[in-house]
């Protein structure tokens, strides 16, 4: 934290490191937030893809919030500040000031959570506010996902039971540690080879982020689990806990698609073992991909964590055009 210049306002934006992430963890639970971005691991997973940089906001000597600056296709954008509800207007003003005075651009924020917008009450005459439909996170009842009970999840329970019956004592679920990295790499490589170009733009950065997490397991708050058949890893998953919301965020879930019931098994076993008491499960967004959307809908979500684009109007006395489609 000493590398961040202290003053009344935002410090300097610096590249995100695993050491910084540990010290930034205290900012994540300061206000209600049901999105996947409410936990540090999500920031770390995508830091390289979005060239993530962070700056601490100070009021005197007190650290009151965290600002994010990202980049895609050469275009900068921000995220909603992490801070207490009462500090959000001030922190929001700091990220707007940075865009306007340092970058010379209108403020652009992506993936803004509904709670932040309710607190800020932004004037629609000053800001374009538009829901990012394809980026909403799917939320599920924790107990329903652990038990797969009820009519709506009957097919999922059947797939789970079929897997158990088929493989009997040949399969095993267990938590993963850094000693399992080799198996995870091989499982991920096999999974990657089965995917087409439809999700190419998203997939390779995700794989890079997974490798980065595996290289820093001892420094991150991450839970991992894997399913082995005849001693070979066929599925693995990663998640972390939003303590304030008692919500598990499932960042990664990969399984051999040719093995029936495997996804249901890794999903249920991970929650039973790693998150036995969470009330909510966030399984992230569907990227607008029809197949992924259908898969997430099939688990009967109990709600959504909706996200919004926020774009400053009339910057510099002019009305800017729509933000780049790239971001």
C-alpha atoms as a PDB file:
ATOM      1  CA  UNK A   1       0.000   0.000   0.000  1.00  0.00           C
ATOM      2  CA  UNK A   2       2.953   2.364   0.490  1.00  0.00           C
ATOM      3  CA  UNK A   3       3.342   2.507  -3.298  1.00  0.00           C
ATOM      4  CA  UNK A   4       0.061   4.422  -3.539  1.00  0.00           C
ATOM      5  CA  UNK A   5       0.392   8.160  -3.067  1.00  0.00           C
ATOM      6  CA  UNK A   6      -1.745   9.347  -0.140  1.00  0.00           C
ATOM      7  CA  UNK A   7      -3.851  12.506  -0.514  1.00  0.00           C
ATOM      8  CA  UNK A   8      -7.459  13.655  -0.268  1.00  0.00           C
ATOM      9  CA  UNK A   9      -8.726  11.792  -3.312  1.00  0.00           C
ATOM     10  CA  UNK A  10      -7.470   9.030  -5.559  1.00  0.00           C
ATOM     11  CA  UNK A  11      -3.885   7.839  -5.565  1.00  0.00           C
ATOM     12  CA  UNK A  12      -2.034   6.731  -8.680  1.00  0.00           C
ATOM     13  CA  UNK A  13      -3.329   3.905 -10.832  1.00  0.00           C
ATOM     14  CA  UNK A  14      -0.983   0.926 -10.724  1.00  0.00           C
ATOM     15  CA  UNK A  15      -1.002  -2.513 -12.310  1.00  0.00           C
ATOM     16  CA  UNK A  16      -2.696  -5.111 -10.142  1.00  0.00           C
ATOM     17  CA  UNK A  17      -0.429  -7.635  -8.422  1.00  0.00           C
ATOM     18  CA  UNK A  18      -1.296 -10.574  -6.199  1.00  0.00           C
ATOM     19  CA  UNK A  19       0.189  -8.744  -3.207  1.00  0.00           C
ATOM     20  CA  UNK A  20      -2.013  -5.726  -3.874  1.00  0.00           C
ATOM     21  CA  UNK A  21      -5.054  -7.965  -4.132  1.00  0.00           C
ATOM     22  CA  UNK A  22      -4.536  -9.219  -0.611  1.00  0.00           C
ATOM     23  CA  UNK A  23      -4.463  -5.682   0.770  1.00  0.00           C
ATOM     24  CA  UNK A  24      -7.452  -4.666  -1.391  1.00  0.00           C
ATOM     25  CA  UNK A  25      -9.668  -7.479  -0.065  1.00  0.00           C
ATOM     26  CA  UNK A  26     -11.042  -5.203   2.663  1.00  0.00           C
ATOM     27  CA  UNK A  27     -12.780  -3.012   0.067  1.00  0.00           C
ATOM     28  CA  UNK A  28     -14.955  -5.769  -1.401  1.00  0.00           C
ATOM     29  CA  UNK A  29     -17.485  -6.208   1.422  1.00  0.00           C
ATOM     30  CA  UNK A  30     -18.207  -2.551   2.118  1.00  0.00           C
ATOM     31  CA  UNK A  31     -21.563  -2.366   0.330  1.00  0.00           C
ATOM     32  CA  UNK A  32     -24.131  -4.880  -0.970  1.00  0.00           C
ATOM     33  CA  UNK A  33     -23.149  -6.387  -4.319  1.00  0.00           C
ATOM     34  CA  UNK A  34     -24.413  -9.627  -5.869  1.00  0.00           C
ATOM     35  CA  UNK A  35     -22.266  -9.552  -9.018  1.00  0.00           C
ATOM     36  CA  UNK A  36     -19.248 -11.781  -9.617  1.00  0.00           C
ATOM     37  CA  UNK A  37     -17.105  -8.647  -9.373  1.00  0.00           C
ATOM     38  CA  UNK A  38     -17.883  -8.539  -5.645  1.00  0.00           C
ATOM     39  CA  UNK A  39     -14.968 -10.889  -4.857  1.00  0.00           C
ATOM     40  CA  UNK A  40     -11.201 -10.331  -5.368  1.00  0.00           C
ATOM     41  CA  UNK A  41     -10.621 -13.495  -7.394  1.00  0.00           C
ATOM     42  CA  UNK A  42     -12.690 -12.190 -10.310  1.00  0.00           C
ATOM     43  CA  UNK A  43     -10.453  -9.124 -10.513  1.00  0.00           C
ATOM     44  CA  UNK A  44      -7.347 -11.308 -10.538  1.00  0.00           C
ATOM     45  CA  UNK A  45      -8.707 -13.756 -13.127  1.00  0.00           C
ATOM     46  CA  UNK A  46      -9.194 -11.063 -15.790  1.00  0.00           C
ATOM     47  CA  UNK A  47      -6.471  -8.571 -14.828  1.00  0.00           C
ATOM     48  CA  UNK A  48      -4.224  -9.287 -17.823  1.00  0.00           C
ATOM     49  CA  UNK A  49      -6.998  -9.383 -20.410  1.00  0.00           C
ATOM     50  CA  UNK A  50      -8.322  -5.983 -19.355  1.00  0.00           C
ATOM     51  CA  UNK A  51      -4.954  -4.491 -18.345  1.00  0.00           C
ATOM     52  CA  UNK A  52      -6.415  -3.866 -14.895  1.00  0.00           C
ATOM     53  CA  UNK A  53      -5.075  -0.997 -12.812  1.00  0.00           C
ATOM     54  CA  UNK A  54      -6.251   0.133  -9.398  1.00  0.00           C
ATOM     55  CA  UNK A  55      -6.031   3.244  -7.243  1.00  0.00           C
ATOM     56  CA  UNK A  56      -6.894   3.692  -3.583  1.00  0.00           C
ATOM     57  CA  UNK A  57      -9.087   6.657  -2.626  1.00  0.00           C
ATOM     58  CA  UNK A  58      -8.100   8.547   0.525  1.00  0.00           C
ATOM     59  CA  UNK A  59      -9.864  10.952   2.832  1.00  0.00           C
ATOM     60  CA  UNK A  60      -6.989  12.334   4.811  1.00  0.00           C
ATOM     61  CA  UNK A  61      -5.042   9.265   5.902  1.00  0.00           C
ATOM     62  CA  UNK A  62      -8.079   6.971   5.720  1.00  0.00           C
ATOM     63  CA  UNK A  63      -8.392   4.566   2.828  1.00  0.00           C
ATOM     64  CA  UNK A  64     -12.060   4.753   1.897  1.00  0.00           C
ATOM     65  CA  UNK A  65     -12.335   3.048  -1.486  1.00  0.00           C
ATOM     66  CA  UNK A  66     -10.822   1.462  -4.557  1.00  0.00           C
ATOM     67  CA  UNK A  67     -11.059   2.612  -8.173  1.00  0.00           C
ATOM     68  CA  UNK A  68     -10.559   0.444 -11.255  1.00  0.00           C
ATOM     69  CA  UNK A  69      -9.248   1.358 -14.691  1.00  0.00           C
ATOM     70  CA  UNK A  70      -9.451  -1.158 -17.542  1.00  0.00           C
ATOM     71  CA  UNK A  71      -8.689  -1.198 -21.243  1.00  0.00           C
ATOM     72  CA  UNK A  72      -9.978  -3.128 -24.227  1.00  0.00           C
ATOM     73  CA  UNK A  73      -8.984  -2.541 -27.865  1.00  0.00           C
ATOM     74  CA  UNK A  74      -7.087   0.511 -26.669  1.00  0.00           C
ATOM     75  CA  UNK A  75     -10.206   2.096 -25.133  1.00  0.00           C
ATOM     76  CA  UNK A  76     -10.250   2.820 -21.376  1.00  0.00           C
ATOM     77  CA  UNK A  77     -13.232   2.173 -19.140  1.00  0.00           C
ATOM     78  CA  UNK A  78     -13.855   2.026 -15.421  1.00  0.00           C
ATOM     79  CA  UNK A  79     -15.874   0.045 -12.904  1.00  0.00           C
ATOM     80  CA  UNK A  80     -18.015   1.112  -9.985  1.00  0.00           C
ATOM     81  CA  UNK A  81     -15.798   2.006  -7.018  1.00  0.00           C
ATOM     82  CA  UNK A  82     -15.524  -0.426  -4.118  1.00  0.00           C
ATOM     83  CA  UNK A  83     -16.407   1.530  -0.988  1.00  0.00           C
ATOM     84  CA  UNK A  84     -19.046   2.142   1.676  1.00  0.00           C
ATOM     85  CA  UNK A  85     -22.434   3.363   0.389  1.00  0.00           C
ATOM     86  CA  UNK A  86     -21.928   6.780   1.967  1.00  0.00           C
ATOM     87  CA  UNK A  87     -18.540   7.171   0.236  1.00  0.00           C
ATOM     88  CA  UNK A  88     -19.756   6.136  -3.214  1.00  0.00           C
ATOM     89  CA  UNK A  89     -20.667   9.646  -4.477  1.00  0.00           C
ATOM     90  CA  UNK A  90     -17.196  10.930  -3.572  1.00  0.00           C
ATOM     91  CA  UNK A  91     -15.383   7.927  -5.080  1.00  0.00           C
ATOM     92  CA  UNK A  92     -17.546   8.081  -8.208  1.00  0.00           C
ATOM     93  CA  UNK A  93     -16.549  11.727  -8.543  1.00  0.00           C
ATOM     94  CA  UNK A  94     -12.898  10.720  -8.370  1.00  0.00           C
ATOM     95  CA  UNK A  95     -13.115   8.226 -11.243  1.00  0.00           C
ATOM     96  CA  UNK A  96     -15.083  10.775 -13.290  1.00  0.00           C
ATOM     97  CA  UNK A  97     -12.422  13.393 -12.538  1.00  0.00           C
ATOM     98  CA  UNK A  98      -9.696  11.022 -13.734  1.00  0.00           C
ATOM     99  CA  UNK A  99     -11.464  10.356 -17.041  1.00  0.00           C
ATOM    100  CA  UNK A 100     -12.267  14.026 -17.621  1.00  0.00           C
ATOM    101  CA  UNK A 101      -9.088  15.736 -16.420  1.00  0.00           C
ATOM    102  CA  UNK A 102      -6.356  13.129 -16.960  1.00  0.00           C
ATOM    103  CA  UNK A 103      -7.627  11.104 -19.922  1.00  0.00           C
ATOM    104  CA  UNK A 104      -9.625  13.951 -21.475  1.00  0.00           C
ATOM    105  CA  UNK A 105     -12.543  11.599 -22.072  1.00  0.00           C
ATOM    106  CA  UNK A 106     -16.136  11.229 -20.924  1.00  0.00           C
ATOM    107  CA  UNK A 107     -16.536   8.772 -18.090  1.00  0.00           C
ATOM    108  CA  UNK A 108     -17.362   5.241 -19.215  1.00  0.00           C
ATOM    109  CA  UNK A 109     -18.176   2.558 -16.651  1.00  0.00           C
ATOM    110  CA  UNK A 110     -19.074  -1.016 -17.509  1.00  0.00           C
ATOM    111  CA  UNK A 111     -20.707  -3.748 -15.442  1.00  0.00           C
ATOM    112  CA  UNK A 112     -22.114  -1.272 -12.914  1.00  0.00           C
ATOM    113  CA  UNK A 113     -24.247  -3.085 -10.350  1.00  0.00           C
ATOM    114  CA  UNK A 114     -27.846  -2.076  -9.650  1.00  0.00           C
ATOM    115  CA  UNK A 115     -27.150  -1.291  -6.006  1.00  0.00           C
ATOM    116  CA  UNK A 116     -24.529   1.319  -6.892  1.00  0.00           C
ATOM    117  CA  UNK A 117     -26.859   3.018  -9.354  1.00  0.00           C
ATOM    118  CA  UNK A 118     -29.623   3.156  -6.737  1.00  0.00           C
ATOM    119  CA  UNK A 119     -27.234   4.827  -4.290  1.00  0.00           C
ATOM    120  CA  UNK A 120     -25.950   7.355  -6.832  1.00  0.00           C
ATOM    121  CA  UNK A 121     -29.291   8.233  -8.436  1.00  0.00           C
ATOM    122  CA  UNK A 122     -27.536   9.516 -11.569  1.00  0.00           C
ATOM    123  CA  UNK A 123     -29.354  12.136 -13.654  1.00  0.00           C
ATOM    124  CA  UNK A 124     -30.382  10.615 -17.036  1.00  0.00           C
ATOM    125  CA  UNK A 125     -29.784  14.050 -18.557  1.00  0.00           C
ATOM    126  CA  UNK A 126     -26.122  13.715 -17.608  1.00  0.00           C
ATOM    127  CA  UNK A 127     -25.548   9.980 -18.096  1.00  0.00           C
ATOM    128  CA  UNK A 128     -26.569   7.325 -20.540  1.00  0.00           C
ATOM    129  CA  UNK A 129     -27.493   4.279 -18.454  1.00  0.00           C
ATOM    130  CA  UNK A 130     -28.093   1.052 -20.365  1.00  0.00           C
ATOM    131  CA  UNK A 131     -28.419  -2.513 -19.137  1.00  0.00           C
ATOM    132  CA  UNK A 132     -25.809  -4.916 -20.493  1.00  0.00           C
ATOM    133  CA  UNK A 133     -28.232  -7.773 -21.092  1.00  0.00           C
ATOM    134  CA  UNK A 134     -25.684 -10.440 -21.977  1.00  0.00           C
ATOM    135  CA  UNK A 135     -23.560  -9.737 -18.914  1.00  0.00           C
ATOM    136  CA  UNK A 136     -26.073 -10.318 -16.113  1.00  0.00           C
ATOM    137  CA  UNK A 137     -24.974 -12.954 -13.597  1.00  0.00           C
ATOM    138  CA  UNK A 138     -27.201 -15.943 -12.882  1.00  0.00           C
ATOM    139  CA  UNK A 139     -28.120 -16.435  -9.217  1.00  0.00           C
ATOM    140  CA  UNK A 140     -29.279 -19.730  -7.716  1.00  0.00           C
ATOM    141  CA  UNK A 141     -30.622 -20.937  -4.391  1.00  0.00           C
ATOM    142  CA  UNK A 142     -27.728 -22.581  -2.550  1.00  0.00           C
ATOM    143  CA  UNK A 143     -29.734 -25.374  -0.959  1.00  0.00           C
ATOM    144  CA  UNK A 144     -31.457 -26.251  -4.242  1.00  0.00           C
ATOM    145  CA  UNK A 145     -28.103 -26.512  -6.014  1.00  0.00           C
ATOM    146  CA  UNK A 146     -26.670 -28.736  -3.286  1.00  0.00           C
ATOM    147  CA  UNK A 147     -29.638 -31.120  -3.187  1.00  0.00           C
ATOM    148  CA  UNK A 148     -30.965 -30.907  -6.776  1.00  0.00           C
ATOM    149  CA  UNK A 149     -34.340 -31.522  -5.149  1.00  0.00           C
ATOM    150  CA  UNK A 150     -37.699 -30.612  -6.654  1.00  0.00           C
ATOM    151  CA  UNK A 151     -39.469 -30.981  -9.960  1.00  0.00           C
ATOM    152  CA  UNK A 152     -37.547 -28.221 -11.769  1.00  0.00           C
ATOM    153  CA  UNK A 153     -34.191 -29.886 -11.088  1.00  0.00           C
ATOM    154  CA  UNK A 154     -35.418 -33.445 -11.514  1.00  0.00           C
ATOM    155  CA  UNK A 155     -33.503 -33.963 -14.779  1.00  0.00           C
ATOM    156  CA  UNK A 156     -30.291 -32.682 -13.201  1.00  0.00           C
ATOM    157  CA  UNK A 157     -30.708 -35.111 -10.310  1.00  0.00           C
ATOM    158  CA  UNK A 158     -31.292 -37.958 -12.788  1.00  0.00           C
ATOM    159  CA  UNK A 159     -28.066 -37.101 -14.643  1.00  0.00           C
ATOM    160  CA  UNK A 160     -26.203 -37.020 -11.335  1.00  0.00           C
ATOM    161  CA  UNK A 161     -27.602 -40.380 -10.253  1.00  0.00           C
ATOM    162  CA  UNK A 162     -26.879 -41.926 -13.651  1.00  0.00           C
ATOM    163  CA  UNK A 163     -23.224 -40.877 -13.388  1.00  0.00           C
ATOM    164  CA  UNK A 164     -22.930 -42.324  -9.883  1.00  0.00           C
ATOM    165  CA  UNK A 165     -24.508 -45.597 -10.981  1.00  0.00           C
ATOM    166  CA  UNK A 166     -22.372 -45.866 -14.124  1.00  0.00           C
ATOM    167  CA  UNK A 167     -19.007 -45.239 -12.498  1.00  0.00           C
ATOM    168  CA  UNK A 168     -19.606 -46.633  -9.024  1.00  0.00           C
ATOM    169  CA  UNK A 169     -16.350 -46.729  -7.055  1.00  0.00           C
ATOM    170  CA  UNK A 170     -14.345 -45.666 -10.123  1.00  0.00           C
ATOM    171  CA  UNK A 171     -14.999 -41.956  -9.533  1.00  0.00           C
ATOM    172  CA  UNK A 172     -13.820 -39.613  -6.792  1.00  0.00           C
ATOM    173  CA  UNK A 173     -14.396 -35.971  -5.898  1.00  0.00           C
ATOM    174  CA  UNK A 174     -11.827 -34.193  -3.766  1.00  0.00           C
ATOM    175  CA  UNK A 175     -10.540 -30.676  -3.032  1.00  0.00           C
ATOM    176  CA  UNK A 176      -7.547 -29.583  -5.100  1.00  0.00           C
ATOM    177  CA  UNK A 177      -4.250 -28.046  -3.977  1.00  0.00           C
ATOM    178  CA  UNK A 178      -1.184 -26.664  -5.732  1.00  0.00           C
ATOM    179  CA  UNK A 179       0.104 -30.239  -6.060  1.00  0.00           C
ATOM    180  CA  UNK A 180      -2.762 -30.885  -8.504  1.00  0.00           C
ATOM    181  CA  UNK A 181      -1.724 -28.171 -10.951  1.00  0.00           C
ATOM    182  CA  UNK A 182      -0.386 -30.639 -13.493  1.00  0.00           C
ATOM    183  CA  UNK A 183      -3.701 -32.501 -13.601  1.00  0.00           C
ATOM    184  CA  UNK A 184      -5.593 -29.226 -13.917  1.00  0.00           C
ATOM    185  CA  UNK A 185      -3.399 -28.126 -16.830  1.00  0.00           C
ATOM    186  CA  UNK A 186      -4.003 -31.394 -18.661  1.00  0.00           C
ATOM    187  CA  UNK A 187      -7.738 -31.345 -17.974  1.00  0.00           C
ATOM    188  CA  UNK A 188      -7.950 -27.729 -19.155  1.00  0.00           C
ATOM    189  CA  UNK A 189      -5.991 -28.491 -22.321  1.00  0.00           C
ATOM    190  CA  UNK A 190      -8.294 -31.398 -23.188  1.00  0.00           C
ATOM    191  CA  UNK A 191     -11.359 -29.229 -22.566  1.00  0.00           C
ATOM    192  CA  UNK A 192      -9.911 -26.393 -24.652  1.00  0.00           C
ATOM    193  CA  UNK A 193      -9.342 -28.649 -27.667  1.00  0.00           C
ATOM    194  CA  UNK A 194     -13.066 -29.436 -27.873  1.00  0.00           C
ATOM    195  CA  UNK A 195     -14.160 -25.810 -28.223  1.00  0.00           C
ATOM    196  CA  UNK A 196     -14.733 -23.999 -31.507  1.00  0.00           C
ATOM    197  CA  UNK A 197     -14.131 -20.413 -32.529  1.00  0.00           C
ATOM    198  CA  UNK A 198     -17.444 -19.111 -31.159  1.00  0.00           C
ATOM    199  CA  UNK A 199     -15.926 -18.244 -27.794  1.00  0.00           C
ATOM    200  CA  UNK A 200     -12.311 -17.865 -28.932  1.00  0.00           C
ATOM    201  CA  UNK A 201     -12.055 -14.198 -27.936  1.00  0.00           C
ATOM    202  CA  UNK A 202     -13.151 -14.952 -24.391  1.00  0.00           C
ATOM    203  CA  UNK A 203     -11.592 -18.359 -23.897  1.00  0.00           C
ATOM    204  CA  UNK A 204      -7.853 -17.867 -24.335  1.00  0.00           C
ATOM    205  CA  UNK A 205      -7.667 -14.974 -21.814  1.00  0.00           C
ATOM    206  CA  UNK A 206      -9.665 -17.121 -19.393  1.00  0.00           C
ATOM    207  CA  UNK A 207      -7.159 -19.961 -19.765  1.00  0.00           C
ATOM    208  CA  UNK A 208      -4.339 -17.489 -19.125  1.00  0.00           C
ATOM    209  CA  UNK A 209      -6.135 -16.256 -16.011  1.00  0.00           C
ATOM    210  CA  UNK A 210      -6.571 -19.816 -14.734  1.00  0.00           C
ATOM    211  CA  UNK A 211      -2.836 -20.440 -15.108  1.00  0.00           C
ATOM    212  CA  UNK A 212      -2.144 -17.218 -13.202  1.00  0.00           C
ATOM    213  CA  UNK A 213      -4.392 -18.333 -10.354  1.00  0.00           C
ATOM    214  CA  UNK A 214      -2.738 -21.755 -10.206  1.00  0.00           C
ATOM    215  CA  UNK A 215       0.660 -20.074  -9.915  1.00  0.00           C
ATOM    216  CA  UNK A 216      -0.484 -18.054  -6.887  1.00  0.00           C
ATOM    217  CA  UNK A 217      -2.774 -20.449  -5.019  1.00  0.00           C
ATOM    218  CA  UNK A 218      -1.047 -19.874  -1.690  1.00  0.00           C
ATOM    219  CA  UNK A 219      -1.750 -16.126  -1.902  1.00  0.00           C
ATOM    220  CA  UNK A 220      -5.368 -16.209  -3.044  1.00  0.00           C
ATOM    221  CA  UNK A 221      -8.627 -17.030  -1.292  1.00  0.00           C
ATOM    222  CA  UNK A 222      -9.787 -19.663  -3.746  1.00  0.00           C
ATOM    223  CA  UNK A 223     -11.434 -23.033  -3.356  1.00  0.00           C
ATOM    224  CA  UNK A 224     -10.930 -25.756  -5.970  1.00  0.00           C
ATOM    225  CA  UNK A 225     -12.372 -29.198  -6.545  1.00  0.00           C
ATOM    226  CA  UNK A 226     -11.952 -31.952  -9.094  1.00  0.00           C
ATOM    227  CA  UNK A 227     -13.655 -35.148 -10.233  1.00  0.00           C
ATOM    228  CA  UNK A 228     -11.407 -38.084 -11.089  1.00  0.00           C
ATOM    229  CA  UNK A 229     -12.435 -41.229 -12.991  1.00  0.00           C
ATOM    230  CA  UNK A 230     -10.030 -44.155 -12.807  1.00  0.00           C
ATOM    231  CA  UNK A 231      -7.490 -41.757 -11.340  1.00  0.00           C
ATOM    232  CA  UNK A 232      -7.692 -39.222 -14.200  1.00  0.00           C
ATOM    233  CA  UNK A 233      -9.063 -35.741 -13.655  1.00  0.00           C
ATOM    234  CA  UNK A 234     -12.109 -35.228 -15.881  1.00  0.00           C
ATOM    235  CA  UNK A 235     -13.526 -32.032 -14.338  1.00  0.00           C
ATOM    236  CA  UNK A 236     -12.402 -29.186 -12.108  1.00  0.00           C
ATOM    237  CA  UNK A 237     -13.874 -25.990 -10.728  1.00  0.00           C
ATOM    238  CA  UNK A 238     -12.841 -22.811  -8.864  1.00  0.00           C
ATOM    239  CA  UNK A 239     -14.891 -20.583  -6.598  1.00  0.00           C
ATOM    240  CA  UNK A 240     -14.671 -17.967  -3.874  1.00  0.00           C
ATOM    241  CA  UNK A 241     -16.923 -16.603  -1.154  1.00  0.00           C
ATOM    242  CA  UNK A 242     -18.693 -13.271  -0.862  1.00  0.00           C
ATOM    243  CA  UNK A 243     -19.010 -13.263   2.925  1.00  0.00           C
ATOM    244  CA  UNK A 244     -21.291 -10.228   3.125  1.00  0.00           C
ATOM    245  CA  UNK A 245     -23.897 -11.855   0.862  1.00  0.00           C
ATOM    246  CA  UNK A 246     -23.175 -15.443   1.994  1.00  0.00           C
ATOM    247  CA  UNK A 247     -22.792 -16.170  -1.716  1.00  0.00           C
ATOM    248  CA  UNK A 248     -20.465 -18.532  -3.568  1.00  0.00           C
ATOM    249  CA  UNK A 249     -19.130 -17.228  -6.878  1.00  0.00           C
ATOM    250  CA  UNK A 250     -18.252 -20.013  -9.315  1.00  0.00           C
ATOM    251  CA  UNK A 251     -15.558 -18.537 -11.529  1.00  0.00           C
ATOM    252  CA  UNK A 252     -14.498 -21.628 -13.442  1.00  0.00           C
ATOM    253  CA  UNK A 253     -16.157 -24.970 -14.174  1.00  0.00           C
ATOM    254  CA  UNK A 254     -14.694 -27.277 -16.832  1.00  0.00           C
ATOM    255  CA  UNK A 255     -15.651 -30.880 -17.523  1.00  0.00           C
ATOM    256  CA  UNK A 256     -15.352 -33.527 -20.228  1.00  0.00           C
ATOM    257  CA  UNK A 257     -18.598 -32.961 -22.214  1.00  0.00           C
ATOM    258  CA  UNK A 258     -18.634 -36.545 -23.458  1.00  0.00           C
ATOM    259  CA  UNK A 259     -19.258 -37.932 -19.966  1.00  0.00           C
ATOM    260  CA  UNK A 260     -22.957 -37.747 -19.127  1.00  0.00           C
ATOM    261  CA  UNK A 261     -23.733 -36.274 -15.736  1.00  0.00           C
ATOM    262  CA  UNK A 262     -20.207 -35.023 -15.109  1.00  0.00           C
ATOM    263  CA  UNK A 263     -21.180 -31.349 -15.038  1.00  0.00           C
ATOM    264  CA  UNK A 264     -23.971 -32.088 -12.573  1.00  0.00           C
ATOM    265  CA  UNK A 265     -21.527 -34.013 -10.373  1.00  0.00           C
ATOM    266  CA  UNK A 266     -18.766 -31.376 -10.285  1.00  0.00           C
ATOM    267  CA  UNK A 267     -21.349 -28.655  -9.688  1.00  0.00           C
ATOM    268  CA  UNK A 268     -23.102 -30.389  -6.794  1.00  0.00           C
ATOM    269  CA  UNK A 269     -20.066 -31.953  -5.120  1.00  0.00           C
ATOM    270  CA  UNK A 270     -18.151 -28.681  -5.130  1.00  0.00           C
ATOM    271  CA  UNK A 271     -20.996 -26.848  -3.410  1.00  0.00           C
ATOM    272  CA  UNK A 272     -21.541 -29.659  -0.896  1.00  0.00           C
ATOM    273  CA  UNK A 273     -17.877 -29.749   0.074  1.00  0.00           C
ATOM    274  CA  UNK A 274     -16.612 -26.194  -0.402  1.00  0.00           C
ATOM    275  CA  UNK A 275     -19.723 -24.095   0.265  1.00  0.00           C
ATOM    276  CA  UNK A 276     -22.098 -26.206   2.391  1.00  0.00           C
ATOM    277  CA  UNK A 277     -23.896 -23.246   3.960  1.00  0.00           C
ATOM    278  CA  UNK A 278     -24.133 -20.497   1.309  1.00  0.00           C
ATOM    279  CA  UNK A 279     -27.609 -19.201   0.603  1.00  0.00           C
ATOM    280  CA  UNK A 280     -26.804 -17.980  -2.913  1.00  0.00           C
ATOM    281  CA  UNK A 281     -24.668 -19.221  -5.801  1.00  0.00           C
ATOM    282  CA  UNK A 282     -23.485 -16.858  -8.548  1.00  0.00           C
ATOM    283  CA  UNK A 283     -22.599 -18.760 -11.724  1.00  0.00           C
ATOM    284  CA  UNK A 284     -21.670 -15.631 -13.690  1.00  0.00           C
ATOM    285  CA  UNK A 285     -22.961 -14.515 -17.088  1.00  0.00           C
ATOM    286  CA  UNK A 286     -23.641 -16.313 -20.367  1.00  0.00           C
ATOM    287  CA  UNK A 287     -21.719 -13.908 -22.681  1.00  0.00           C
ATOM    288  CA  UNK A 288     -24.780 -13.863 -24.941  1.00  0.00           C
ATOM    289  CA  UNK A 289     -23.966 -17.389 -26.151  1.00  0.00           C
ATOM    290  CA  UNK A 290     -27.174 -19.404 -26.777  1.00  0.00           C
ATOM    291  CA  UNK A 291     -25.752 -22.731 -25.620  1.00  0.00           C
ATOM    292  CA  UNK A 292     -24.337 -21.314 -22.413  1.00  0.00           C
ATOM    293  CA  UNK A 293     -27.550 -19.414 -21.761  1.00  0.00           C
ATOM    294  CA  UNK A 294     -29.644 -22.545 -22.124  1.00  0.00           C
ATOM    295  CA  UNK A 295     -27.330 -24.400 -19.747  1.00  0.00           C
ATOM    296  CA  UNK A 296     -27.617 -21.722 -17.072  1.00  0.00           C
ATOM    297  CA  UNK A 297     -31.388 -21.414 -17.460  1.00  0.00           C
ATOM    298  CA  UNK A 298     -31.751 -25.180 -17.070  1.00  0.00           C
ATOM    299  CA  UNK A 299     -30.658 -24.884 -13.430  1.00  0.00           C
ATOM    300  CA  UNK A 300     -33.672 -22.669 -12.652  1.00  0.00           C
ATOM    301  CA  UNK A 301     -32.073 -19.388 -11.478  1.00  0.00           C
ATOM    302  CA  UNK A 302     -33.785 -17.629  -8.591  1.00  0.00           C
ATOM    303  CA  UNK A 303     -32.677 -14.223  -9.827  1.00  0.00           C
ATOM    304  CA  UNK A 304     -30.061 -12.173 -11.661  1.00  0.00           C
ATOM    305  CA  UNK A 305     -27.345  -9.698 -10.774  1.00  0.00           C
ATOM    306  CA  UNK A 306     -27.962  -7.150 -13.498  1.00  0.00           C
ATOM    307  CA  UNK A 307     -25.206  -4.895 -14.786  1.00  0.00           C
ATOM    308  CA  UNK A 308     -25.257  -1.570 -16.585  1.00  0.00           C
ATOM    309  CA  UNK A 309     -23.167   0.658 -18.822  1.00  0.00           C
ATOM    310  CA  UNK A 310     -22.794   4.240 -17.585  1.00  0.00           C
ATOM    311  CA  UNK A 311     -21.654   6.872 -20.115  1.00  0.00           C
ATOM    312  CA  UNK A 312     -21.210  10.565 -19.404  1.00  0.00           C
ATOM    313  CA  UNK A 313     -23.096  12.931 -21.707  1.00  0.00           C
ATOM    314  CA  UNK A 314     -22.229  16.486 -22.748  1.00  0.00           C
ATOM    315  CA  UNK A 315     -18.561  16.159 -21.850  1.00  0.00           C
ATOM    316  CA  UNK A 316     -16.636  19.293 -22.802  1.00  0.00           C
ATOM    317  CA  UNK A 317     -19.822  21.028 -23.889  1.00  0.00           C
ATOM    318  CA  UNK A 318     -20.443  18.457 -26.603  1.00  0.00           C
ATOM    319  CA  UNK A 319     -22.595  15.353 -26.801  1.00  0.00           C
ATOM    320  CA  UNK A 320     -20.230  12.427 -27.445  1.00  0.00           C
ATOM    321  CA  UNK A 321     -21.254   9.556 -29.666  1.00  0.00           C
ATOM    322  CA  UNK A 322     -22.008   6.057 -28.409  1.00  0.00           C
ATOM    323  CA  UNK A 323     -19.114   4.296 -26.676  1.00  0.00           C
ATOM    324  CA  UNK A 324     -17.046   1.978 -28.831  1.00  0.00           C
ATOM    325  CA  UNK A 325     -18.659  -1.399 -29.510  1.00  0.00           C
ATOM    326  CA  UNK A 326     -15.326  -2.951 -28.546  1.00  0.00           C
ATOM    327  CA  UNK A 327     -15.988  -2.162 -24.876  1.00  0.00           C
END
